Every structure is written in structure tokens, then in C-alpha cells.
Amino acid sequence: MSWYLAVLKNYAGFSGRARRKEYWMFFLFHIIVALVLIGLGVVIDSQIPYLIYAVALIIPTLAVTVRRLHDTGRSGWWFLISFVPLVGAIVLLVFTCLEGVRDVNEYGADPKLAPQAV
């Protein structure tokens, strides 16, 4: 849960790097909350709570994805490849699964070596 909150605290931070753990833990909790809200929406016959949540998390999701791409040594503009049908999503998935650059790159120091403020 602390990884999820760390991403939300850095709501629109597009600079820097995000570890794989930060990225995937955020997405795990994001999916859990989304499923709970969708289930709630089925019970109350309205998907408005889920839609509000989804819109509120567009920027943090984009920001953590850009930071994850930075960790692999790629520009955040690589996110746009996700708009290529089928292939783009697969390429982005592979990029987010790759290990980050072990040393300092143009986007900052290795987050594994930096002290965690979580």
C-alpha cells in the first residue's frame, strides 16, 4: 500500500525514475481498487464511482509510467507507442518489465541505490 500512496504523493511528477517494484505495486493496488469500485457499481447500478476514480488517476498513472520508462533509459514519449493497436501495448509491457539502468542515466540516479522515502 505504501508504494501506491508514494505514487499518489508524487501525483504529477514526470521527472526522475521509478523502480519496477514501485510501478507494479502501484498497478496491483490500482487494479484491486478498480475491481472493487466496478463491483460496487454493479451493486448500486452505477459506474460513477469507478469513472471518478479512473479520471482522478489518469495523471498519476501516466507519470509513474513515464518514470518507469526513464528507469529503463527511455524517453517518456515511448508511452505513445501504447496507441499502436496490439503491438504497442505489448512493447510497452516489455519495456516496463525490463530491469532499469543500474547506474546514473540522464533521468537521475538509480532508485535502487537511493534511500527510500516511503
Protein backbone atom coordinates (compact mmCIF):
# COMPACT_ATOMS: atom_id res chain seq x y z
CA MET A 1 0.00 0.00 0.00
CA SER A 2 2.87 2.39 0.71
CA TRP A 3 4.03 2.13 -2.92
CA TYR A 4 0.55 3.10 -4.09
CA LEU A 5 0.50 6.10 -1.77
CA ALA A 6 4.03 7.10 -2.80
CA VAL A 7 2.90 7.36 -6.42
CA LEU A 8 -0.14 9.40 -5.40
CA LYS A 9 2.05 11.75 -3.32
CA ASN A 10 4.16 12.32 -6.44
CA TYR A 11 0.91 12.93 -8.35
CA ALA A 12 2.27 14.73 -11.39
CA GLY A 13 5.99 14.06 -11.06
CA PHE A 14 7.19 13.16 -14.53
CA SER A 15 10.88 13.60 -13.77
CA GLY A 16 13.08 11.01 -12.17
CA ARG A 17 12.90 7.25 -12.21
CA ALA A 18 10.54 4.59 -10.85
CA ARG A 19 11.64 1.09 -9.88
CA ARG A 20 9.82 -1.95 -11.20
CA LYS A 21 8.54 -2.63 -7.69
CA GLU A 22 7.05 0.85 -7.36
CA TYR A 23 5.41 0.61 -10.78
CA TRP A 24 3.94 -2.88 -10.41
CA MET A 25 2.80 -2.44 -6.80
CA PHE A 26 1.01 0.73 -7.85
CA PHE A 27 -0.72 -1.15 -10.66
CA LEU A 28 -1.63 -4.06 -8.39
CA PHE A 29 -3.43 -1.77 -5.94
CA HIS A 30 -4.87 0.27 -8.82
CA ILE A 31 -6.45 -2.88 -10.30
CA ILE A 32 -7.74 -4.04 -6.89
CA VAL A 33 -9.39 -0.67 -6.19
CA ALA A 34 -10.81 -0.54 -9.73
CA LEU A 35 -12.33 -4.03 -9.40
CA VAL A 36 -13.86 -3.16 -6.04
CA LEU A 37 -15.37 0.02 -7.47
CA ILE A 38 -16.68 -1.83 -10.52
CA GLY A 39 -18.26 -4.40 -8.20
CA LEU A 40 -19.77 -1.61 -6.14
CA GLY A 41 -21.06 -0.06 -9.35
CA VAL A 42 -22.80 -3.30 -10.29
CA VAL A 43 -24.46 -3.42 -6.86
CA ILE A 44 -25.65 0.20 -6.97
CA ASP A 45 -26.31 0.06 -10.72
CA SER A 46 -24.00 2.98 -11.50
CA GLN A 47 -20.37 3.10 -12.58
CA ILE A 48 -19.92 6.72 -11.49
CA PRO A 49 -17.59 5.88 -8.52
CA TYR A 50 -15.30 3.93 -10.85
CA LEU A 51 -15.34 6.66 -13.51
CA ILE A 52 -14.40 9.31 -10.94
CA TYR A 53 -11.55 7.10 -9.71
CA ALA A 54 -10.35 6.36 -13.25
CA VAL A 55 -10.30 10.02 -14.25
CA ALA A 56 -8.56 11.02 -10.99
CA LEU A 57 -5.76 8.52 -11.61
CA ILE A 58 -5.02 9.31 -15.26
CA ILE A 59 -2.18 11.71 -14.44
CA PRO A 60 -0.51 9.60 -11.69
CA THR A 61 -0.67 6.51 -13.91
CA LEU A 62 0.89 8.38 -16.81
CA ALA A 63 3.53 9.90 -14.51
CA VAL A 64 4.61 6.58 -12.98
CA THR A 65 4.75 5.01 -16.44
CA VAL A 66 6.96 7.81 -17.72
CA ARG A 67 9.22 7.46 -14.67
CA ARG A 68 9.38 3.69 -15.25
CA LEU A 69 10.42 4.30 -18.86
CA HIS A 70 13.07 6.73 -17.59
CA ASP A 71 14.43 3.98 -15.35
CA THR A 72 14.97 1.79 -18.40
CA GLY A 73 16.81 4.64 -20.15
CA ARG A 74 13.95 5.55 -22.49
CA SER A 75 12.17 8.83 -23.02
CA GLY A 76 8.68 9.20 -21.62
CA TRP A 77 7.48 9.74 -25.18
CA TRP A 78 7.74 5.98 -25.64
CA PHE A 79 4.39 5.85 -23.81
CA LEU A 80 2.76 6.91 -27.07
CA ILE A 81 3.61 3.51 -28.56
CA SER A 82 0.73 2.14 -26.49
CA PHE A 83 -1.64 3.74 -29.01
CA VAL A 84 -0.44 1.36 -31.73
CA PRO A 85 -3.05 -1.42 -31.71
CA LEU A 86 -1.96 -4.67 -30.01
CA VAL A 87 1.77 -4.38 -30.73
CA GLY A 88 2.16 -1.07 -28.88
CA ALA A 89 0.71 -2.40 -25.63
CA ILE A 90 2.97 -5.45 -25.80
CA VAL A 91 6.06 -3.32 -26.41
CA LEU A 92 5.16 -1.02 -23.51
CA LEU A 93 4.60 -4.05 -21.27
CA VAL A 94 8.03 -5.40 -22.18
CA PHE A 95 9.66 -2.02 -21.51
CA THR A 96 8.05 -1.80 -18.06
CA CYS A 97 9.16 -5.32 -17.22
CA LEU A 98 12.81 -4.74 -18.12
CA GLU A 99 15.34 -4.05 -15.39
CA GLY A 100 16.34 -0.42 -15.03
CA VAL A 101 19.74 1.02 -15.85
CA ARG A 102 22.00 0.16 -12.92
CA ASP A 103 23.88 3.44 -12.86
CA VAL A 104 23.04 7.12 -13.20
CA ASN A 105 21.37 7.91 -16.50
CA GLU A 106 20.11 11.17 -18.00
CA TYR A 107 16.95 10.93 -15.85
CA GLY A 108 18.62 10.60 -12.46
CA ALA A 109 20.31 8.22 -10.05
CA ASP A 110 19.44 4.55 -9.76
CA PRO A 111 16.41 4.40 -7.39
CA LYS A 112 17.63 1.06 -6.01
CA LEU A 113 20.73 2.78 -4.67
CA ALA A 114 18.91 5.88 -3.39
CA PRO A 115 17.40 5.74 0.10
CA GLN A 116 13.68 5.01 0.04
CA ALA A 117 11.41 7.73 1.48
CA VAL A 118 8.35 5.51 1.71
